[in-house]
């Protein structure tokens, strides 16, 4: 897939997610969840297309609820470490 096509699909998915979030009908609106997963799928397609065409990746990671179970201080990036030096 051409990375430009994948980028366009990602942009469209983000716009749809924004629209559904702003027009949410309830706390558990299934349209918002569907749009959320569409963004994730479009991002993965873009990342794959970008890497396939250029060997590059984005500095972004997909959020996975399972990854958020335990955070420790090493997982948090703060500016206080830089100020200490």
PDB file of N, CA and C in Angstrom:
ATOM      1  N   UNK A   1       0.845  -1.178   0.000  1.00  0.00           N
ATOM      2  CA  UNK A   1       0.000   0.000   0.000  1.00  0.00           C
ATOM      3  C   UNK A   1       0.890   1.240   0.000  1.00  0.00           C
ATOM      4  N   UNK A   2       0.507   2.218  -0.752  1.00  0.00           N
ATOM      5  CA  UNK A   2       1.195   3.506  -0.797  1.00  0.00           C
ATOM      6  C   UNK A   2       1.016   4.194   0.557  1.00  0.00           C
ATOM      7  N   UNK A   3       2.095   4.660   1.191  1.00  0.00           N
ATOM      8  CA  UNK A   3       1.956   5.308   2.490  1.00  0.00           C
ATOM      9  C   UNK A   3       1.067   6.555   2.448  1.00  0.00           C
ATOM     10  N   UNK A   4       0.994   7.207   1.309  1.00  0.00           N
ATOM     11  CA  UNK A   4       0.123   8.383   1.201  1.00  0.00           C
ATOM     12  C   UNK A   4      -1.350   7.991   1.299  1.00  0.00           C
ATOM     13  N   UNK A   5      -1.685   6.863   0.706  1.00  0.00           N
ATOM     14  CA  UNK A   5      -3.062   6.357   0.788  1.00  0.00           C
ATOM     15  C   UNK A   5      -3.371   5.955   2.231  1.00  0.00           C
ATOM     16  N   UNK A   6      -2.428   5.277   2.862  1.00  0.00           N
ATOM     17  CA  UNK A   6      -2.616   4.864   4.248  1.00  0.00           C
ATOM     18  C   UNK A   6      -2.707   6.068   5.179  1.00  0.00           C
ATOM     19  N   UNK A   7      -1.920   7.104   4.914  1.00  0.00           N
ATOM     20  CA  UNK A   7      -1.980   8.327   5.715  1.00  0.00           C
ATOM     21  C   UNK A   7      -3.338   9.000   5.561  1.00  0.00           C
ATOM     22  N   UNK A   8      -3.845   9.029   4.361  1.00  0.00           N
ATOM     23  CA  UNK A   8      -5.170   9.609   4.126  1.00  0.00           C
ATOM     24  C   UNK A   8      -6.245   8.831   4.881  1.00  0.00           C
ATOM     25  N   UNK A   9      -6.146   7.507   4.877  1.00  0.00           N
ATOM     26  CA  UNK A   9      -7.107   6.676   5.613  1.00  0.00           C
ATOM     27  C   UNK A   9      -6.991   6.937   7.117  1.00  0.00           C
ATOM     28  N   UNK A  10      -5.773   7.119   7.617  1.00  0.00           N
ATOM     29  CA  UNK A  10      -5.570   7.422   9.029  1.00  0.00           C
ATOM     30  C   UNK A  10      -6.186   8.771   9.384  1.00  0.00           C
ATOM     31  N   UNK A  11      -5.949   9.762   8.563  1.00  0.00           N
ATOM     32  CA  UNK A  11      -6.522  11.086   8.798  1.00  0.00           C
ATOM     33  C   UNK A  11      -8.044  11.019   8.819  1.00  0.00           C
ATOM     34  N   UNK A  12      -8.621  10.285   7.875  1.00  0.00           N
ATOM     35  CA  UNK A  12     -10.075  10.137   7.839  1.00  0.00           C
ATOM     36  C   UNK A  12     -10.587   9.430   9.090  1.00  0.00           C
ATOM     37  N   UNK A  13      -9.870   8.406   9.551  1.00  0.00           N
ATOM     38  CA  UNK A  13     -10.273   7.685  10.759  1.00  0.00           C
ATOM     39  C   UNK A  13     -10.206   8.595  11.987  1.00  0.00           C
ATOM     40  N   UNK A  14      -9.184   9.435  12.059  1.00  0.00           N
ATOM     41  CA  UNK A  14      -9.083  10.382  13.173  1.00  0.00           C
ATOM     42  C   UNK A  14     -10.224  11.393  13.144  1.00  0.00           C
ATOM     43  N   UNK A  15     -10.567  11.877  11.966  1.00  0.00           N
ATOM     44  CA  UNK A  15     -11.677  12.818  11.850  1.00  0.00           C
ATOM     45  C   UNK A  15     -12.996  12.173  12.255  1.00  0.00           C
ATOM     46  N   UNK A  16     -13.199  10.924  11.870  1.00  0.00           N
ATOM     47  CA  UNK A  16     -14.410  10.206  12.242  1.00  0.00           C
ATOM     48  C   UNK A  16     -14.450   9.973  13.752  1.00  0.00           C
ATOM     49  N   UNK A  17     -13.312   9.650  14.344  1.00  0.00           N
ATOM     50  CA  UNK A  17     -13.256   9.452  15.790  1.00  0.00           C
ATOM     51  C   UNK A  17     -13.625  10.743  16.522  1.00  0.00           C
ATOM     52  N   UNK A  18     -13.092  11.859  16.075  1.00  0.00           N
ATOM     53  CA  UNK A  18     -13.423  13.148  16.676  1.00  0.00           C
ATOM     54  C   UNK A  18     -14.920  13.420  16.565  1.00  0.00           C
ATOM     55  N   UNK A  19     -15.460  13.197  15.395  1.00  0.00           N
ATOM     56  CA  UNK A  19     -16.880  13.443  15.170  1.00  0.00           C
ATOM     57  C   UNK A  19     -17.751  12.587  16.087  1.00  0.00           C
ATOM     58  N   UNK A  20     -17.416  11.310  16.204  1.00  0.00           N
ATOM     59  CA  UNK A  20     -18.229  10.440  17.059  1.00  0.00           C
ATOM     60  C   UNK A  20     -18.046  10.790  18.536  1.00  0.00           C
ATOM     61  N   UNK A  21     -16.853  11.192  18.927  1.00  0.00           N
ATOM     62  CA  UNK A  21     -16.622  11.573  20.328  1.00  0.00           C
ATOM     63  C   UNK A  21     -17.399  12.838  20.685  1.00  0.00           C
ATOM     64  N   UNK A  22     -17.385  13.804  19.790  1.00  0.00           N
ATOM     65  CA  UNK A  22     -18.094  15.060  20.035  1.00  0.00           C
ATOM     66  C   UNK A  22     -19.609  14.838  20.054  1.00  0.00           C
ATOM     67  N   UNK A  23     -20.085  13.922  19.241  1.00  0.00           N
ATOM     68  CA  UNK A  23     -21.525  13.663  19.134  1.00  0.00           C
ATOM     69  C   UNK A  23     -21.950  12.410  19.899  1.00  0.00           C
ATOM     70  N   UNK A  24     -21.176  12.030  20.881  1.00  0.00           N
ATOM     71  CA  UNK A  24     -21.445  10.843  21.704  1.00  0.00           C
ATOM     72  C   UNK A  24     -22.879  10.896  22.234  1.00  0.00           C
ATOM     73  N   UNK A  25     -23.587   9.761  22.105  1.00  0.00           N
ATOM     74  CA  UNK A  25     -24.973   9.682  22.573  1.00  0.00           C
ATOM     75  C   UNK A  25     -25.080   9.156  23.991  1.00  0.00           C
ATOM     76  N   UNK A  26     -24.062   8.476  24.470  1.00  0.00           N
ATOM     77  CA  UNK A  26     -24.050   7.950  25.834  1.00  0.00           C
ATOM     78  C   UNK A  26     -22.611   7.652  26.214  1.00  0.00           C
ATOM     79  N   UNK A  27     -22.401   7.338  27.478  1.00  0.00           N
ATOM     80  CA  UNK A  27     -21.053   7.018  27.952  1.00  0.00           C
ATOM     81  C   UNK A  27     -20.472   5.812  27.225  1.00  0.00           C
ATOM     82  N   UNK A  28     -21.318   4.855  26.881  1.00  0.00           N
ATOM     83  CA  UNK A  28     -20.875   3.627  26.209  1.00  0.00           C
ATOM     84  C   UNK A  28     -21.322   3.580  24.753  1.00  0.00           C
ATOM     85  N   UNK A  29     -21.265   4.713  24.079  1.00  0.00           N
ATOM     86  CA  UNK A  29     -21.701   4.786  22.681  1.00  0.00           C
ATOM     87  C   UNK A  29     -20.852   3.850  21.818  1.00  0.00           C
ATOM     88  N   UNK A  30     -21.474   2.854  21.182  1.00  0.00           N
ATOM     89  CA  UNK A  30     -20.698   1.907  20.377  1.00  0.00           C
ATOM     90  C   UNK A  30     -20.040   2.558  19.159  1.00  0.00           C
ATOM     91  N   UNK A  31     -20.557   3.658  18.692  1.00  0.00           N
ATOM     92  CA  UNK A  31     -19.949   4.340  17.544  1.00  0.00           C
ATOM     93  C   UNK A  31     -18.562   4.873  17.896  1.00  0.00           C
ATOM     94  N   UNK A  32     -18.403   5.313  19.138  1.00  0.00           N
ATOM     95  CA  UNK A  32     -17.096   5.823  19.577  1.00  0.00           C
ATOM     96  C   UNK A  32     -16.096   4.677  19.658  1.00  0.00           C
ATOM     97  N   UNK A  33     -16.527   3.549  20.179  1.00  0.00           N
ATOM     98  CA  UNK A  33     -15.638   2.387  20.253  1.00  0.00           C
ATOM     99  C   UNK A  33     -15.242   1.903  18.860  1.00  0.00           C
ATOM    100  N   UNK A  34     -16.196   1.872  17.957  1.00  0.00           N
ATOM    101  CA  UNK A  34     -15.901   1.466  16.584  1.00  0.00           C
ATOM    102  C   UNK A  34     -14.893   2.416  15.942  1.00  0.00           C
ATOM    103  N   UNK A  35     -15.091   3.718  16.151  1.00  0.00           N
ATOM    104  CA  UNK A  35     -14.164   4.710  15.597  1.00  0.00           C
ATOM    105  C   UNK A  35     -12.782   4.574  16.224  1.00  0.00           C
ATOM    106  N   UNK A  36     -12.734   4.266  17.521  1.00  0.00           N
ATOM    107  CA  UNK A  36     -11.470   4.059  18.219  1.00  0.00           C
ATOM    108  C   UNK A  36     -10.672   2.940  17.547  1.00  0.00           C
ATOM    109  N   UNK A  37     -11.322   1.816  17.303  1.00  0.00           N
ATOM    110  CA  UNK A  37     -10.628   0.687  16.685  1.00  0.00           C
ATOM    111  C   UNK A  37     -10.293   0.957  15.221  1.00  0.00           C
ATOM    112  N   UNK A  38     -11.084   1.777  14.569  1.00  0.00           N
ATOM    113  CA  UNK A  38     -10.763   2.159  13.186  1.00  0.00           C
ATOM    114  C   UNK A  38      -9.481   2.981  13.132  1.00  0.00           C
ATOM    115  N   UNK A  39      -9.297   3.857  14.122  1.00  0.00           N
ATOM    116  CA  UNK A  39      -8.052   4.635  14.201  1.00  0.00           C
ATOM    117  C   UNK A  39      -6.873   3.697  14.414  1.00  0.00           C
ATOM    118  N   UNK A  40      -7.017   2.749  15.328  1.00  0.00           N
ATOM    119  CA  UNK A  40      -5.925   1.803  15.600  1.00  0.00           C
ATOM    120  C   UNK A  40      -5.578   0.991  14.356  1.00  0.00           C
ATOM    121  N   UNK A  41      -6.585   0.514  13.659  1.00  0.00           N
ATOM    122  CA  UNK A  41      -6.344  -0.267  12.437  1.00  0.00           C
ATOM    123  C   UNK A  41      -5.685   0.581  11.358  1.00  0.00           C
ATOM    124  N   UNK A  42      -6.170   1.805  11.193  1.00  0.00           N
ATOM    125  CA  UNK A  42      -5.606   2.697  10.170  1.00  0.00           C
ATOM    126  C   UNK A  42      -4.167   3.071  10.514  1.00  0.00           C
ATOM    127  N   UNK A  43      -3.891   3.262  11.800  1.00  0.00           N
ATOM    128  CA  UNK A  43      -2.521   3.572  12.206  1.00  0.00           C
ATOM    129  C   UNK A  43      -1.588   2.411  11.894  1.00  0.00           C
ATOM    130  N   UNK A  44      -2.006   1.205  12.221  1.00  0.00           N
ATOM    131  CA  UNK A  44      -1.162   0.039  11.939  1.00  0.00           C
ATOM    132  C   UNK A  44      -0.908  -0.104  10.440  1.00  0.00           C
ATOM    133  N   UNK A  45      -1.930   0.149   9.633  1.00  0.00           N
ATOM    134  CA  UNK A  45      -1.767   0.068   8.179  1.00  0.00           C
ATOM    135  C   UNK A  45      -0.783   1.134   7.691  1.00  0.00           C
ATOM    136  N   UNK A  46      -0.885   2.341   8.255  1.00  0.00           N
ATOM    137  CA  UNK A  46       0.031   3.408   7.875  1.00  0.00           C
ATOM    138  C   UNK A  46       1.467   3.067   8.288  1.00  0.00           C
ATOM    139  N   UNK A  47       1.621   2.591   9.517  1.00  0.00           N
ATOM    140  CA  UNK A  47       2.948   2.244  10.013  1.00  0.00           C
ATOM    141  C   UNK A  47       3.584   1.167   9.126  1.00  0.00           C
ATOM    142  N   UNK A  48       2.800   0.160   8.761  1.00  0.00           N
ATOM    143  CA  UNK A  48       3.302  -0.901   7.889  1.00  0.00           C
ATOM    144  C   UNK A  48       3.664  -0.370   6.502  1.00  0.00           C
ATOM    145  N   UNK A  49       2.800   0.475   5.950  1.00  0.00           N
ATOM    146  CA  UNK A  49       3.062   1.033   4.619  1.00  0.00           C
ATOM    147  C   UNK A  49       4.281   1.944   4.636  1.00  0.00           C
ATOM    148  N   UNK A  50       4.407   2.751   5.683  1.00  0.00           N
ATOM    149  CA  UNK A  50       5.556   3.647   5.801  1.00  0.00           C
ATOM    150  C   UNK A  50       6.847   2.848   5.902  1.00  0.00           C
ATOM    151  N   UNK A  51       6.832   1.817   6.752  1.00  0.00           N
ATOM    152  CA  UNK A  51       8.028   1.009   6.917  1.00  0.00           C
ATOM    153  C   UNK A  51       8.372   0.263   5.629  1.00  0.00           C
ATOM    154  N   UNK A  52       7.358  -0.264   4.963  1.00  0.00           N
ATOM    155  CA  UNK A  52       7.591  -0.989   3.717  1.00  0.00           C
ATOM    156  C   UNK A  52       8.178  -0.120   2.621  1.00  0.00           C
ATOM    157  N   UNK A  53       7.754   1.135   2.575  1.00  0.00           N
ATOM    158  CA  UNK A  53       8.211   2.035   1.512  1.00  0.00           C
ATOM    159  C   UNK A  53       9.522   2.741   1.840  1.00  0.00           C
ATOM    160  N   UNK A  54       9.758   3.001   3.139  1.00  0.00           N
ATOM    161  CA  UNK A  54      10.905   3.844   3.486  1.00  0.00           C
ATOM    162  C   UNK A  54      11.838   3.250   4.536  1.00  0.00           C
ATOM    163  N   UNK A  55      11.398   2.208   5.238  1.00  0.00           N
ATOM    164  CA  UNK A  55      12.192   1.681   6.335  1.00  0.00           C
ATOM    165  C   UNK A  55      12.071   2.509   7.599  1.00  0.00           C
ATOM    166  N   UNK A  56      11.197   3.483   7.597  1.00  0.00           N
ATOM    167  CA  UNK A  56      11.001   4.370   8.750  1.00  0.00           C
ATOM    168  C   UNK A  56       9.757   3.969   9.516  1.00  0.00           C
ATOM    169  N   UNK A  57       9.697   4.395  10.782  1.00  0.00           N
ATOM    170  CA  UNK A  57       8.526   4.200  11.625  1.00  0.00           C
ATOM    171  C   UNK A  57       8.182   5.532  12.277  1.00  0.00           C
ATOM    172  N   UNK A  58       7.003   5.605  12.872  1.00  0.00           N
ATOM    173  CA  UNK A  58       6.612   6.811  13.600  1.00  0.00           C
ATOM    174  C   UNK A  58       7.078   6.681  15.050  1.00  0.00           C
ATOM    175  N   UNK A  59       7.096   7.780  15.786  1.00  0.00           N
ATOM    176  CA  UNK A  59       7.473   7.702  17.204  1.00  0.00           C
ATOM    177  C   UNK A  59       6.276   7.360  18.094  1.00  0.00           C
ATOM    178  N   UNK A  60       5.207   6.848  17.514  1.00  0.00           N
ATOM    179  CA  UNK A  60       3.963   6.594  18.241  1.00  0.00           C
ATOM    180  C   UNK A  60       3.784   5.109  18.529  1.00  0.00           C
ATOM    181  N   UNK A  61       3.128   4.817  19.631  1.00  0.00           N
ATOM    182  CA  UNK A  61       2.754   3.457  19.992  1.00  0.00           C
ATOM    183  C   UNK A  61       1.253   3.410  20.205  1.00  0.00           C
ATOM    184  N   UNK A  62       0.642   2.287  19.879  1.00  0.00           N
ATOM    185  CA  UNK A  62      -0.777   2.108  20.164  1.00  0.00           C
ATOM    186  C   UNK A  62      -0.962   1.812  21.639  1.00  0.00           C
ATOM    187  N   UNK A  63      -1.973   2.387  22.216  1.00  0.00           N
ATOM    188  CA  UNK A  63      -2.312   2.159  23.609  1.00  0.00           C
ATOM    189  C   UNK A  63      -3.019   0.822  23.734  1.00  0.00           C
ATOM    190  N   UNK A  64      -2.562   0.028  24.666  1.00  0.00           N
ATOM    191  CA  UNK A  64      -3.188  -1.261  24.942  1.00  0.00           C
ATOM    192  C   UNK A  64      -3.541  -1.261  26.415  1.00  0.00           C
ATOM    193  N   UNK A  65      -4.815  -1.435  26.739  1.00  0.00           N
ATOM    194  CA  UNK A  65      -5.250  -1.377  28.127  1.00  0.00           C
ATOM    195  C   UNK A  65      -4.484  -2.361  29.012  1.00  0.00           C
ATOM    196  N   UNK A  66      -4.074  -3.490  28.478  1.00  0.00           N
ATOM    197  CA  UNK A  66      -3.317  -4.465  29.255  1.00  0.00           C
ATOM    198  C   UNK A  66      -1.943  -3.938  29.648  1.00  0.00           C
ATOM    199  N   UNK A  67      -1.376  -3.044  28.825  1.00  0.00           N
ATOM    200  CA  UNK A  67      -0.061  -2.476  29.118  1.00  0.00           C
ATOM    201  C   UNK A  67      -0.103  -1.474  30.256  1.00  0.00           C
ATOM    202  N   UNK A  68      -1.290  -0.960  30.595  1.00  0.00           N
ATOM    203  CA  UNK A  68      -1.428   0.097  31.582  1.00  0.00           C
ATOM    204  C   UNK A  68      -1.632  -0.448  32.991  1.00  0.00           C
ATOM    205  N   UNK A  69      -1.576  -1.762  33.161  1.00  0.00           N
ATOM    206  CA  UNK A  69      -1.849  -2.354  34.465  1.00  0.00           C
ATOM    207  C   UNK A  69      -0.861  -1.909  35.527  1.00  0.00           C
ATOM    208  N   UNK A  70       0.402  -1.846  35.178  1.00  0.00           N
ATOM    209  CA  UNK A  70       1.402  -1.449  36.161  1.00  0.00           C
ATOM    210  C   UNK A  70       2.372  -0.463  35.545  1.00  0.00           C
ATOM    211  N   UNK A  71       2.435   0.695  36.128  1.00  0.00           N
ATOM    212  CA  UNK A  71       3.403   1.707  35.730  1.00  0.00           C
ATOM    213  C   UNK A  71       4.345   1.924  36.903  1.00  0.00           C
ATOM    214  N   UNK A  72       5.612   2.009  36.614  1.00  0.00           N
ATOM    215  CA  UNK A  72       6.546   2.375  37.662  1.00  0.00           C
ATOM    216  C   UNK A  72       7.241   3.669  37.263  1.00  0.00           C
ATOM    217  N   UNK A  73       8.071   4.192  38.139  1.00  0.00           N
ATOM    218  CA  UNK A  73       8.706   5.484  37.884  1.00  0.00           C
ATOM    219  C   UNK A  73       9.533   5.498  36.603  1.00  0.00           C
ATOM    220  N   UNK A  74      10.089   4.360  36.224  1.00  0.00           N
ATOM    221  CA  UNK A  74      10.896   4.301  35.008  1.00  0.00           C
ATOM    222  C   UNK A  74      10.050   4.470  33.751  1.00  0.00           C
ATOM    223  N   UNK A  75       8.746   4.197  33.848  1.00  0.00           N
ATOM    224  CA  UNK A  75       7.858   4.333  32.698  1.00  0.00           C
ATOM    225  C   UNK A  75       7.440   5.771  32.460  1.00  0.00           C
ATOM    226  N   UNK A  76       7.618   6.620  33.450  1.00  0.00           N
ATOM    227  CA  UNK A  76       7.186   8.005  33.339  1.00  0.00           C
ATOM    228  C   UNK A  76       8.355   8.874  32.918  1.00  0.00           C
ATOM    229  N   UNK A  77       8.147   9.658  31.852  1.00  0.00           N
ATOM    230  CA  UNK A  77       9.175  10.553  31.339  1.00  0.00           C
ATOM    231  C   UNK A  77       8.901  11.934  31.925  1.00  0.00           C
ATOM    232  N   UNK A  78       9.798  12.397  32.770  1.00  0.00           N
ATOM    233  CA  UNK A  78       9.600  13.708  33.390  1.00  0.00           C
ATOM    234  C   UNK A  78      10.783  14.594  33.109  1.00  0.00           C
ATOM    235  N   UNK A  79      10.530  15.888  33.177  1.00  0.00           N
ATOM    236  CA  UNK A  79      11.587  16.857  32.963  1.00  0.00           C
ATOM    237  C   UNK A  79      12.440  17.051  34.221  1.00  0.00           C
ATOM    238  N   UNK A  80      12.010  16.523  35.356  1.00  0.00           N
ATOM    239  CA  UNK A  80      12.771  16.716  36.592  1.00  0.00           C
ATOM    240  C   UNK A  80      14.102  15.997  36.530  1.00  0.00           C
ATOM    241  N   UNK A  81      14.191  14.898  35.780  1.00  0.00           N
ATOM    242  CA  UNK A  81      15.465  14.200  35.648  1.00  0.00           C
ATOM    243  C   UNK A  81      16.492  15.087  34.946  1.00  0.00           C
ATOM    244  N   UNK A  82      16.067  15.795  33.931  1.00  0.00           N
ATOM    245  CA  UNK A  82      16.969  16.674  33.187  1.00  0.00           C
ATOM    246  C   UNK A  82      17.399  17.860  34.044  1.00  0.00           C
ATOM    247  N   UNK A  83      16.514  18.327  34.916  1.00  0.00           N
ATOM    248  CA  UNK A  83      16.828  19.467  35.764  1.00  0.00           C
ATOM    249  C   UNK A  83      17.856  19.101  36.825  1.00  0.00           C
ATOM    250  N   UNK A  84      17.904  17.821  37.192  1.00  0.00           N
ATOM    251  CA  UNK A  84      18.855  17.377  38.215  1.00  0.00           C
ATOM    252  C   UNK A  84      20.302  17.393  37.726  1.00  0.00           C
ATOM    253  N   UNK A  85      20.516  17.382  36.421  1.00  0.00           N
ATOM    254  CA  UNK A  85      21.887  17.322  35.874  1.00  0.00           C
ATOM    255  C   UNK A  85      22.490  18.665  35.734  1.00  0.00           C
TER     256      UNK A  85
END
